[in-house]
Amino acid sequence: MNRVAIFAHYDRDAVIDAYVLYYLRGLRAIASRVLFVSDSPLPPVEIAKLDGLAELVWAGRHGEYDFGSWKRGIAHLGAAVDNCDELVLANDSCYAPVFPFAEAFDRMAAVACDGWSGTATGGDGTVTHLNSYFQVYRRPVLADPAFRDFWPAVIPQPSHDEVVRQYENRLSEMLTARGHRLGSLIAPDALPLVLHGDYVHRVDVLRAPWLKAQLFRDNPLRVPALGAALSAVDRHYPRALIDAHLRRMIGADDPPHYHFRLGTFRRRWHALHIVARTRRDRWWKLQVRLYGVRVFAFGLPLRARR
């Protein structure tokens, strides 16, 4: 299997973090080549960390997000893309591999598709949109002129949301329209969001290689008992890498959002919306909404646990 991986990197401090090196070692186990493209001006001491792990393609500001990094990696490959059996596009937004990448590739080898990702959106067993943090494209896609023509058109966009709209969404739409079959490791109707609480609390069941760094940095969906879930993850992935990264990013390796007692529960039309605050806020809070309009709210003080 001639499998090539292109890894998109960005770091506000222009460093290659230890968790990124761990990720690259995981990619080296399943890829014949790993290309590293950074949207940060890396100093020589950081570039030296890549020795034996990846080929440096670019290190400097290009402002085109991950798709701009993948564009540069694909341009670097040039005609060598024709010899690839699979092309992997990955980025540093995840802690990985929690489980060996080989497990995921073995599972997907039995799936008849031309491209796949870890998670995706869709319905009724059909994948319509690949999440871009980890994508794999096979020969039918790599040989498609439309796929080749897509990448030179990537240019800077004003926001990440616009990148998703212009490139992530459009790439999946284009491939589907051209008859390519898309798949995902985790079925879209089973788990539509990589940030969902089930993803981390069921890590032993799902055995997916990735955990989104944003989940631990921000906990945007208020996943409950995140700290306890991280302790379970430590059996498979070195928690020390996550703790060290968070200390640098947010100044804490045990932030308050690790300790939500309950999450945020939503039902269709937002008819029921329950929020439980963190131990720092020391409140339980119940909200009931009908079609997005709050009709009832109730708060109860809660003694903080230490």
C-alpha atoms as a PDB file:
ATOM      1  CA  MET A   1       0.000   0.000   0.000  1.00  0.00           C
ATOM      2  CA  ASN A   2       1.538   3.278  -1.131  1.00  0.00           C
ATOM      3  CA  ARG A   3      -0.115   5.607   1.347  1.00  0.00           C
ATOM      4  CA  VAL A   4       0.984   9.232   1.694  1.00  0.00           C
ATOM      5  CA  ALA A   5      -0.110  11.521   4.537  1.00  0.00           C
ATOM      6  CA  ILE A   6      -0.101  15.314   4.477  1.00  0.00           C
ATOM      7  CA  PHE A   7      -0.238  16.881   7.940  1.00  0.00           C
ATOM      8  CA  ALA A   8      -1.466  20.477   8.351  1.00  0.00           C
ATOM      9  CA  HIS A   9       0.024  22.317  11.336  1.00  0.00           C
ATOM     10  CA  TYR A  10      -0.521  25.671  13.013  1.00  0.00           C
ATOM     11  CA  ASP A  11       0.662  26.849  16.414  1.00  0.00           C
ATOM     12  CA  ARG A  12       0.298  30.345  17.822  1.00  0.00           C
ATOM     13  CA  ASP A  13       3.690  30.004  19.539  1.00  0.00           C
ATOM     14  CA  ALA A  14       5.380  28.536  16.440  1.00  0.00           C
ATOM     15  CA  VAL A  15       6.294  25.278  18.180  1.00  0.00           C
ATOM     16  CA  ILE A  16       5.721  21.640  17.301  1.00  0.00           C
ATOM     17  CA  ASP A  17       4.042  20.329  20.434  1.00  0.00           C
ATOM     18  CA  ALA A  18       4.766  16.900  21.875  1.00  0.00           C
ATOM     19  CA  TYR A  19       1.242  15.717  21.039  1.00  0.00           C
ATOM     20  CA  VAL A  20       1.902  16.581  17.367  1.00  0.00           C
ATOM     21  CA  LEU A  21       5.065  14.468  17.376  1.00  0.00           C
ATOM     22  CA  TYR A  22       3.079  11.595  18.876  1.00  0.00           C
ATOM     23  CA  TYR A  23       0.512  12.019  16.065  1.00  0.00           C
ATOM     24  CA  LEU A  24       3.249  11.962  13.427  1.00  0.00           C
ATOM     25  CA  ARG A  25       4.697   8.759  14.860  1.00  0.00           C
ATOM     26  CA  GLY A  26       1.241   7.228  14.529  1.00  0.00           C
ATOM     27  CA  LEU A  27       1.032   8.319  10.894  1.00  0.00           C
ATOM     28  CA  ARG A  28       4.478   6.925  10.157  1.00  0.00           C
ATOM     29  CA  ALA A  29       3.198   3.505  11.203  1.00  0.00           C
ATOM     30  CA  ILE A  30       0.631   3.443   8.373  1.00  0.00           C
ATOM     31  CA  ALA A  31       2.070   5.788   5.716  1.00  0.00           C
ATOM     32  CA  SER A  32       5.069   5.381   3.441  1.00  0.00           C
ATOM     33  CA  ARG A  33       5.571   9.166   3.435  1.00  0.00           C
ATOM     34  CA  VAL A  34       4.451  11.953   5.780  1.00  0.00           C
ATOM     35  CA  LEU A  35       4.565  15.531   4.497  1.00  0.00           C
ATOM     36  CA  PHE A  36       4.466  18.332   7.090  1.00  0.00           C
ATOM     37  CA  VAL A  37       3.104  21.761   6.174  1.00  0.00           C
ATOM     38  CA  SER A  38       2.973  24.483   8.827  1.00  0.00           C
ATOM     39  CA  ASP A  39       1.111  27.771   8.752  1.00  0.00           C
ATOM     40  CA  SER A  40       3.609  29.011  11.372  1.00  0.00           C
ATOM     41  CA  PRO A  41       7.153  30.389  10.959  1.00  0.00           C
ATOM     42  CA  LEU A  42       8.994  27.531  12.665  1.00  0.00           C
ATOM     43  CA  PRO A  43      12.537  28.178  13.936  1.00  0.00           C
ATOM     44  CA  PRO A  44      15.277  25.617  13.190  1.00  0.00           C
ATOM     45  CA  VAL A  45      15.090  24.081  16.659  1.00  0.00           C
ATOM     46  CA  GLU A  46      11.450  23.157  16.024  1.00  0.00           C
ATOM     47  CA  ILE A  47      12.051  21.932  12.479  1.00  0.00           C
ATOM     48  CA  ALA A  48      14.726  19.589  13.842  1.00  0.00           C
ATOM     49  CA  LYS A  49      11.994  17.730  15.754  1.00  0.00           C
ATOM     50  CA  LEU A  50      10.707  16.379  12.424  1.00  0.00           C
ATOM     51  CA  ASP A  51      13.861  14.378  11.694  1.00  0.00           C
ATOM     52  CA  GLY A  52      12.864  10.806  10.955  1.00  0.00           C
ATOM     53  CA  LEU A  53       9.152  11.601  11.259  1.00  0.00           C
ATOM     54  CA  ALA A  54       8.149  13.836   8.350  1.00  0.00           C
ATOM     55  CA  GLU A  55       9.368  15.752   5.313  1.00  0.00           C
ATOM     56  CA  LEU A  56       9.055  19.482   5.778  1.00  0.00           C
ATOM     57  CA  VAL A  57       7.259  21.034   2.809  1.00  0.00           C
ATOM     58  CA  TRP A  58       6.505  24.513   4.118  1.00  0.00           C
ATOM     59  CA  ALA A  59       6.913  26.526   7.317  1.00  0.00           C
ATOM     60  CA  GLY A  60       5.583  30.075   7.245  1.00  0.00           C
ATOM     61  CA  ARG A  61       2.394  32.057   7.288  1.00  0.00           C
ATOM     62  CA  HIS A  62       0.112  31.426   4.342  1.00  0.00           C
ATOM     63  CA  GLY A  63      -3.227  32.254   6.017  1.00  0.00           C
ATOM     64  CA  GLU A  64      -5.199  29.622   4.109  1.00  0.00           C
ATOM     65  CA  TYR A  65      -5.949  27.327   7.057  1.00  0.00           C
ATOM     66  CA  ASP A  66      -5.671  23.555   6.690  1.00  0.00           C
ATOM     67  CA  PHE A  67      -6.802  23.505   3.076  1.00  0.00           C
ATOM     68  CA  GLY A  68      -3.943  25.821   2.156  1.00  0.00           C
ATOM     69  CA  SER A  69      -1.490  23.458   3.849  1.00  0.00           C
ATOM     70  CA  TRP A  70      -2.927  20.428   2.061  1.00  0.00           C
ATOM     71  CA  LYS A  71      -2.789  22.395  -1.203  1.00  0.00           C
ATOM     72  CA  ARG A  72       0.953  22.893  -0.722  1.00  0.00           C
ATOM     73  CA  GLY A  73       1.486  19.253   0.158  1.00  0.00           C
ATOM     74  CA  ILE A  74      -0.357  18.061  -2.938  1.00  0.00           C
ATOM     75  CA  ALA A  75       1.589  20.504  -5.109  1.00  0.00           C
ATOM     76  CA  HIS A  76       4.807  19.139  -3.582  1.00  0.00           C
ATOM     77  CA  LEU A  77       3.779  15.601  -4.547  1.00  0.00           C
ATOM     78  CA  GLY A  78       3.019  16.649  -8.104  1.00  0.00           C
ATOM     79  CA  ALA A  79       2.807  13.677 -10.467  1.00  0.00           C
ATOM     80  CA  ALA A  80       3.627  11.323  -7.573  1.00  0.00           C
ATOM     81  CA  VAL A  81      -0.063  11.522  -6.628  1.00  0.00           C
ATOM     82  CA  ASP A  82      -0.679   9.153  -9.546  1.00  0.00           C
ATOM     83  CA  ASN A  83       1.248   6.439  -7.712  1.00  0.00           C
ATOM     84  CA  CYS A  84      -0.616   6.810  -4.419  1.00  0.00           C
ATOM     85  CA  ASP A  85      -3.059   4.132  -3.390  1.00  0.00           C
ATOM     86  CA  GLU A  86      -4.387   6.409  -0.651  1.00  0.00           C
ATOM     87  CA  LEU A  87      -3.849  10.039   0.282  1.00  0.00           C
ATOM     88  CA  VAL A  88      -4.408  11.001   3.930  1.00  0.00           C
ATOM     89  CA  LEU A  89      -5.175  14.619   4.841  1.00  0.00           C
ATOM     90  CA  ALA A  90      -4.825  15.242   8.576  1.00  0.00           C
ATOM     91  CA  ASN A  91      -4.390  18.209  10.900  1.00  0.00           C
ATOM     92  CA  ASP A  92      -3.312  19.010  14.433  1.00  0.00           C
ATOM     93  CA  SER A  93      -6.808  19.663  15.807  1.00  0.00           C
ATOM     94  CA  CYS A  94      -6.904  16.200  17.399  1.00  0.00           C
ATOM     95  CA  TYR A  95      -5.021  14.168  19.949  1.00  0.00           C
ATOM     96  CA  ALA A  96      -4.200  10.942  18.161  1.00  0.00           C
ATOM     97  CA  PRO A  97      -3.836   8.073  17.778  1.00  0.00           C
ATOM     98  CA  VAL A  98      -5.848   7.031  20.812  1.00  0.00           C
ATOM     99  CA  PHE A  99      -6.021   3.626  19.144  1.00  0.00           C
ATOM    100  CA  PRO A 100      -3.636   2.596  16.351  1.00  0.00           C
ATOM    101  CA  PHE A 101      -4.518   4.095  12.985  1.00  0.00           C
ATOM    102  CA  ALA A 102      -4.097   0.619  11.506  1.00  0.00           C
ATOM    103  CA  GLU A 103      -7.315  -0.465  13.255  1.00  0.00           C
ATOM    104  CA  ALA A 104      -9.304   2.272  11.528  1.00  0.00           C
ATOM    105  CA  PHE A 105      -7.774   1.504   8.132  1.00  0.00           C
ATOM    106  CA  ASP A 106      -8.443  -2.219   8.565  1.00  0.00           C
ATOM    107  CA  ARG A 107     -12.088  -1.495   9.381  1.00  0.00           C
ATOM    108  CA  MET A 108     -12.480   0.846   6.415  1.00  0.00           C
ATOM    109  CA  ALA A 109     -10.759  -1.565   4.018  1.00  0.00           C
ATOM    110  CA  ALA A 110     -14.009  -3.546   3.978  1.00  0.00           C
ATOM    111  CA  VAL A 111     -16.083  -0.458   3.080  1.00  0.00           C
ATOM    112  CA  ALA A 112     -16.718   0.180  -0.611  1.00  0.00           C
ATOM    113  CA  CYS A 113     -15.986   3.893  -0.877  1.00  0.00           C
ATOM    114  CA  ASP A 114     -13.655   6.276  -2.682  1.00  0.00           C
ATOM    115  CA  GLY A 115     -13.056   8.571   0.287  1.00  0.00           C
ATOM    116  CA  TRP A 116     -13.734   8.471   4.022  1.00  0.00           C
ATOM    117  CA  SER A 117     -13.254  10.357   7.244  1.00  0.00           C
ATOM    118  CA  GLY A 118     -13.423   9.615  10.948  1.00  0.00           C
ATOM    119  CA  THR A 119     -16.842  11.187  11.345  1.00  0.00           C
ATOM    120  CA  ALA A 120     -19.226  12.632   8.801  1.00  0.00           C
ATOM    121  CA  THR A 121     -22.712  13.994   8.327  1.00  0.00           C
ATOM    122  CA  GLY A 122     -25.502  12.381   6.377  1.00  0.00           C
ATOM    123  CA  GLY A 123     -28.541  10.225   6.956  1.00  0.00           C
ATOM    124  CA  ASP A 124     -30.071   6.838   6.240  1.00  0.00           C
ATOM    125  CA  GLY A 125     -26.612   5.330   6.074  1.00  0.00           C
ATOM    126  CA  THR A 126     -25.451   7.771   3.374  1.00  0.00           C
ATOM    127  CA  VAL A 127     -22.471  10.069   3.920  1.00  0.00           C
ATOM    128  CA  THR A 128     -22.842  13.518   2.380  1.00  0.00           C
ATOM    129  CA  HIS A 129     -20.112  15.562   4.095  1.00  0.00           C
ATOM    130  CA  LEU A 130     -16.701  14.407   5.321  1.00  0.00           C
ATOM    131  CA  ASN A 131     -15.357  16.132   8.434  1.00  0.00           C
ATOM    132  CA  SER A 132     -11.992  17.474   7.391  1.00  0.00           C
ATOM    133  CA  TYR A 133      -9.801  16.793  10.445  1.00  0.00           C
ATOM    134  CA  PHE A 134      -8.910  13.384   8.940  1.00  0.00           C
ATOM    135  CA  GLN A 135      -9.751  12.419   5.369  1.00  0.00           C
ATOM    136  CA  VAL A 136      -8.593   9.514   3.225  1.00  0.00           C
ATOM    137  CA  TYR A 137      -8.936   9.494  -0.558  1.00  0.00           C
ATOM    138  CA  ARG A 138      -8.426   6.444  -2.756  1.00  0.00           C
ATOM    139  CA  ARG A 139      -7.361   6.053  -6.396  1.00  0.00           C
ATOM    140  CA  PRO A 140     -10.736   6.866  -8.042  1.00  0.00           C
ATOM    141  CA  VAL A 141     -10.695  10.297  -6.381  1.00  0.00           C
ATOM    142  CA  LEU A 142      -6.969  10.884  -6.870  1.00  0.00           C
ATOM    143  CA  ALA A 143      -7.331  10.176 -10.596  1.00  0.00           C
ATOM    144  CA  ASP A 144     -10.260  12.556 -10.989  1.00  0.00           C
ATOM    145  CA  PRO A 145      -9.201  15.797 -12.718  1.00  0.00           C
ATOM    146  CA  ALA A 146     -11.791  17.710 -10.683  1.00  0.00           C
ATOM    147  CA  PHE A 147     -10.006  16.715  -7.473  1.00  0.00           C
ATOM    148  CA  ARG A 148      -6.701  17.929  -8.896  1.00  0.00           C
ATOM    149  CA  ASP A 149      -8.259  21.191 -10.077  1.00  0.00           C
ATOM    150  CA  PHE A 150      -9.866  21.844  -6.705  1.00  0.00           C
ATOM    151  CA  TRP A 151      -6.633  22.548  -4.818  1.00  0.00           C
ATOM    152  CA  PRO A 152      -4.996  25.367  -6.810  1.00  0.00           C
ATOM    153  CA  ALA A 153      -8.221  27.351  -6.349  1.00  0.00           C
ATOM    154  CA  VAL A 154      -7.807  27.438  -2.546  1.00  0.00           C
ATOM    155  CA  ILE A 155      -7.167  31.038  -1.467  1.00  0.00           C
ATOM    156  CA  PRO A 156      -7.296  32.896   1.877  1.00  0.00           C
ATOM    157  CA  GLN A 157     -10.750  33.263   3.396  1.00  0.00           C
ATOM    158  CA  PRO A 158     -11.884  35.785   6.047  1.00  0.00           C
ATOM    159  CA  SER A 159     -12.823  33.180   8.675  1.00  0.00           C
ATOM    160  CA  HIS A 160     -12.730  29.506   9.541  1.00  0.00           C
ATOM    161  CA  ASP A 161     -16.493  29.275   8.961  1.00  0.00           C
ATOM    162  CA  GLU A 162     -15.975  30.529   5.433  1.00  0.00           C
ATOM    163  CA  VAL A 163     -13.236  27.936   4.890  1.00  0.00           C
ATOM    164  CA  VAL A 164     -15.697  25.225   5.924  1.00  0.00           C
ATOM    165  CA  ARG A 165     -18.332  26.589   3.555  1.00  0.00           C
ATOM    166  CA  GLN A 166     -16.055  27.214   0.580  1.00  0.00           C
ATOM    167  CA  TYR A 167     -13.798  24.179   0.796  1.00  0.00           C
ATOM    168  CA  GLU A 168     -14.827  21.494   3.282  1.00  0.00           C
ATOM    169  CA  ASN A 169     -18.468  21.459   2.223  1.00  0.00           C
ATOM    170  CA  ARG A 170     -17.781  22.066  -1.439  1.00  0.00           C
ATOM    171  CA  LEU A 171     -15.209  19.278  -1.738  1.00  0.00           C
ATOM    172  CA  SER A 172     -17.656  16.649  -0.458  1.00  0.00           C
ATOM    173  CA  GLU A 173     -20.439  18.062  -2.635  1.00  0.00           C
ATOM    174  CA  MET A 174     -18.214  18.007  -5.709  1.00  0.00           C
ATOM    175  CA  LEU A 175     -17.051  14.434  -5.143  1.00  0.00           C
ATOM    176  CA  THR A 176     -20.593  13.197  -4.533  1.00  0.00           C
ATOM    177  CA  ALA A 177     -21.856  14.961  -7.662  1.00  0.00           C
ATOM    178  CA  ARG A 178     -19.157  13.216  -9.683  1.00  0.00           C
ATOM    179  CA  GLY A 179     -20.291   9.818  -8.470  1.00  0.00           C
ATOM    180  CA  HIS A 180     -17.689   9.134  -5.809  1.00  0.00           C
ATOM    181  CA  ARG A 181     -18.860   7.145  -2.797  1.00  0.00           C
ATOM    182  CA  LEU A 182     -18.072   8.563   0.639  1.00  0.00           C
ATOM    183  CA  GLY A 183     -17.846   6.717   3.936  1.00  0.00           C
ATOM    184  CA  SER A 184     -16.943   7.267   7.580  1.00  0.00           C
ATOM    185  CA  LEU A 185     -15.462   5.196  10.367  1.00  0.00           C
ATOM    186  CA  ILE A 186     -18.318   6.145  12.708  1.00  0.00           C
ATOM    187  CA  ALA A 187     -21.717   6.092  11.005  1.00  0.00           C
ATOM    188  CA  PRO A 188     -23.192   9.598  10.683  1.00  0.00           C
ATOM    189  CA  ASP A 189     -26.559   8.547  12.126  1.00  0.00           C
ATOM    190  CA  ALA A 190     -24.788   7.056  15.149  1.00  0.00           C
ATOM    191  CA  LEU A 191     -22.575   9.980  16.105  1.00  0.00           C
ATOM    192  CA  PRO A 192     -22.815  13.159  14.036  1.00  0.00           C
ATOM    193  CA  LEU A 193     -20.413  15.328  16.042  1.00  0.00           C
ATOM    194  CA  VAL A 194     -16.861  14.564  17.073  1.00  0.00           C
ATOM    195  CA  LEU A 195     -17.342  16.931  20.024  1.00  0.00           C
ATOM    196  CA  HIS A 196     -20.317  14.975  21.336  1.00  0.00           C
ATOM    197  CA  GLY A 197     -20.113  13.627  24.873  1.00  0.00           C
ATOM    198  CA  ASP A 198     -20.565  10.034  23.723  1.00  0.00           C
ATOM    199  CA  TYR A 199     -17.341  10.281  21.757  1.00  0.00           C
ATOM    200  CA  VAL A 200     -15.165  10.601  24.839  1.00  0.00           C
ATOM    201  CA  HIS A 201     -17.288   8.633  27.312  1.00  0.00           C
ATOM    202  CA  ARG A 202     -17.535   5.662  24.931  1.00  0.00           C
ATOM    203  CA  VAL A 203     -13.942   5.709  23.741  1.00  0.00           C
ATOM    204  CA  ASP A 204     -13.455   2.013  24.556  1.00  0.00           C
ATOM    205  CA  VAL A 205     -16.524   1.076  22.484  1.00  0.00           C
ATOM    206  CA  LEU A 206     -15.964   3.343  19.483  1.00  0.00           C
ATOM    207  CA  ARG A 207     -12.194   2.738  19.325  1.00  0.00           C
ATOM    208  CA  ALA A 208     -11.719   5.785  17.131  1.00  0.00           C
ATOM    209  CA  PRO A 209      -8.162   7.137  16.942  1.00  0.00           C
ATOM    210  CA  TRP A 210      -9.020  10.830  17.431  1.00  0.00           C
ATOM    211  CA  LEU A 211     -10.059  13.115  20.265  1.00  0.00           C
ATOM    212  CA  LYS A 212     -10.719  16.743  19.374  1.00  0.00           C
ATOM    213  CA  ALA A 213      -8.434  19.130  21.240  1.00  0.00           C
ATOM    214  CA  GLN A 214     -11.249  21.706  21.318  1.00  0.00           C
ATOM    215  CA  LEU A 215     -13.304  19.325  23.421  1.00  0.00           C
ATOM    216  CA  PHE A 216     -10.775  19.534  26.250  1.00  0.00           C
ATOM    217  CA  ARG A 217      -9.722  23.137  25.644  1.00  0.00           C
ATOM    218  CA  ASP A 218     -13.243  24.647  25.633  1.00  0.00           C
ATOM    219  CA  ASN A 219     -15.815  21.883  26.202  1.00  0.00           C
ATOM    220  CA  PRO A 220     -18.199  23.784  23.876  1.00  0.00           C
ATOM    221  CA  LEU A 221     -21.068  21.287  24.248  1.00  0.00           C
ATOM    222  CA  ARG A 222     -20.711  21.103  28.049  1.00  0.00           C
ATOM    223  CA  VAL A 223     -19.880  17.409  28.128  1.00  0.00           C
ATOM    224  CA  PRO A 224     -20.325  16.246  31.731  1.00  0.00           C
ATOM    225  CA  ALA A 225     -17.544  14.654  33.800  1.00  0.00           C
ATOM    226  CA  LEU A 226     -14.916  15.375  31.180  1.00  0.00           C
ATOM    227  CA  GLY A 227     -12.122  15.052  33.706  1.00  0.00           C
ATOM    228  CA  ALA A 228     -13.245  11.549  34.643  1.00  0.00           C
ATOM    229  CA  ALA A 229     -13.484  10.579  30.981  1.00  0.00           C
ATOM    230  CA  LEU A 230      -9.948  11.809  30.417  1.00  0.00           C
ATOM    231  CA  SER A 231      -8.723   9.493  33.147  1.00  0.00           C
ATOM    232  CA  ALA A 232     -10.221   6.580  31.191  1.00  0.00           C
ATOM    233  CA  VAL A 233      -8.573   7.813  27.985  1.00  0.00           C
ATOM    234  CA  ASP A 234      -5.210   7.643  29.775  1.00  0.00           C
ATOM    235  CA  ARG A 235      -5.303   3.866  29.415  1.00  0.00           C
ATOM    236  CA  HIS A 236      -4.893   4.272  25.659  1.00  0.00           C
ATOM    237  CA  TYR A 237      -3.317   7.693  25.101  1.00  0.00           C
ATOM    238  CA  PRO A 238      -0.780   9.475  27.335  1.00  0.00           C
ATOM    239  CA  ARG A 239      -2.819  12.030  29.240  1.00  0.00           C
ATOM    240  CA  ALA A 240       0.376  13.939  30.042  1.00  0.00           C
ATOM    241  CA  LEU A 241       0.464  15.145  26.412  1.00  0.00           C
ATOM    242  CA  ILE A 242      -3.033  16.631  26.737  1.00  0.00           C
ATOM    243  CA  ASP A 243      -2.272  18.211  30.124  1.00  0.00           C
ATOM    244  CA  ALA A 244       0.942  19.801  28.852  1.00  0.00           C
ATOM    245  CA  HIS A 245      -0.773  21.185  25.749  1.00  0.00           C
ATOM    246  CA  LEU A 246      -3.619  22.695  27.778  1.00  0.00           C
ATOM    247  CA  ARG A 247      -1.220  24.282  30.271  1.00  0.00           C
ATOM    248  CA  ARG A 248       0.398  26.109  27.375  1.00  0.00           C
ATOM    249  CA  MET A 249      -2.877  27.008  25.637  1.00  0.00           C
ATOM    250  CA  ILE A 250      -5.133  28.010  28.542  1.00  0.00           C
ATOM    251  CA  GLY A 251      -2.849  28.022  31.569  1.00  0.00           C
ATOM    252  CA  ALA A 252      -4.511  25.062  33.303  1.00  0.00           C
ATOM    253  CA  ASP A 253      -4.527  21.292  32.959  1.00  0.00           C
ATOM    254  CA  ASP A 254      -7.633  20.845  35.153  1.00  0.00           C
ATOM    255  CA  PRO A 255      -9.953  23.650  33.960  1.00  0.00           C
ATOM    256  CA  PRO A 256     -13.417  24.200  35.494  1.00  0.00           C
ATOM    257  CA  HIS A 257     -15.165  22.915  32.379  1.00  0.00           C
ATOM    258  CA  TYR A 258     -13.806  19.452  33.176  1.00  0.00           C
ATOM    259  CA  HIS A 259     -16.363  19.305  36.001  1.00  0.00           C
ATOM    260  CA  PHE A 260     -19.825  19.945  34.629  1.00  0.00           C
ATOM    261  CA  ARG A 261     -22.216  17.732  36.578  1.00  0.00           C
ATOM    262  CA  LEU A 262     -24.709  17.538  33.729  1.00  0.00           C
ATOM    263  CA  GLY A 263     -24.459  18.519  30.134  1.00  0.00           C
ATOM    264  CA  THR A 264     -26.751  20.503  27.894  1.00  0.00           C
ATOM    265  CA  PHE A 265     -29.596  18.351  26.641  1.00  0.00           C
ATOM    266  CA  ARG A 266     -31.540  19.344  23.554  1.00  0.00           C
ATOM    267  CA  ARG A 267     -34.552  17.782  21.953  1.00  0.00           C
ATOM    268  CA  ARG A 268     -36.218  18.509  18.644  1.00  0.00           C
ATOM    269  CA  TRP A 269     -37.188  22.166  18.219  1.00  0.00           C
ATOM    270  CA  HIS A 270     -35.252  22.864  21.421  1.00  0.00           C
ATOM    271  CA  ALA A 271     -38.420  22.006  23.329  1.00  0.00           C
ATOM    272  CA  LEU A 272     -36.354  20.959  26.319  1.00  0.00           C
ATOM    273  CA  HIS A 273     -33.075  22.618  27.130  1.00  0.00           C
ATOM    274  CA  ILE A 274     -31.420  21.774  30.447  1.00  0.00           C
ATOM    275  CA  VAL A 275     -28.182  23.369  31.595  1.00  0.00           C
ATOM    276  CA  ALA A 276     -26.221  22.488  34.739  1.00  0.00           C
ATOM    277  CA  ARG A 277     -23.475  24.894  35.640  1.00  0.00           C
ATOM    278  CA  THR A 278     -19.939  24.061  36.716  1.00  0.00           C
ATOM    279  CA  ARG A 279     -18.766  23.693  40.275  1.00  0.00           C
ATOM    280  CA  ARG A 280     -17.214  27.164  40.009  1.00  0.00           C
ATOM    281  CA  ASP A 281     -20.597  28.759  39.231  1.00  0.00           C
ATOM    282  CA  ARG A 282     -22.210  26.729  42.033  1.00  0.00           C
ATOM    283  CA  TRP A 283     -25.664  26.673  40.458  1.00  0.00           C
ATOM    284  CA  TRP A 284     -28.035  24.175  38.960  1.00  0.00           C
ATOM    285  CA  LYS A 285     -30.038  25.818  36.228  1.00  0.00           C
ATOM    286  CA  LEU A 286     -33.095  24.495  34.416  1.00  0.00           C
ATOM    287  CA  GLN A 287     -34.406  26.121  31.258  1.00  0.00           C
ATOM    288  CA  VAL A 288     -37.404  24.976  29.243  1.00  0.00           C
ATOM    289  CA  ARG A 289     -37.716  26.364  25.731  1.00  0.00           C
ATOM    290  CA  LEU A 290     -40.449  25.899  23.159  1.00  0.00           C
ATOM    291  CA  TYR A 291     -39.363  26.583  19.574  1.00  0.00           C
ATOM    292  CA  GLY A 292     -36.407  28.539  20.933  1.00  0.00           C
ATOM    293  CA  VAL A 293     -38.482  30.741  23.267  1.00  0.00           C
ATOM    294  CA  ARG A 294     -37.783  30.425  26.982  1.00  0.00           C
ATOM    295  CA  VAL A 295     -40.988  29.781  28.897  1.00  0.00           C
ATOM    296  CA  PHE A 296     -39.554  28.676  32.229  1.00  0.00           C
ATOM    297  CA  ALA A 297     -36.310  29.007  34.135  1.00  0.00           C
ATOM    298  CA  PHE A 298     -35.340  27.791  37.549  1.00  0.00           C
ATOM    299  CA  GLY A 299     -32.097  28.158  39.504  1.00  0.00           C
ATOM    300  CA  LEU A 300     -30.903  26.409  42.625  1.00  0.00           C
ATOM    301  CA  PRO A 301     -27.657  27.177  44.473  1.00  0.00           C
ATOM    302  CA  LEU A 302     -25.346  24.222  44.790  1.00  0.00           C
ATOM    303  CA  ARG A 303     -22.508  23.798  47.218  1.00  0.00           C
ATOM    304  CA  ALA A 304     -19.234  23.508  45.377  1.00  0.00           C
ATOM    305  CA  ARG A 305     -17.251  20.312  45.686  1.00  0.00           C
ATOM    306  CA  ARG A 306     -13.557  20.474  46.386  1.00  0.00           C
END
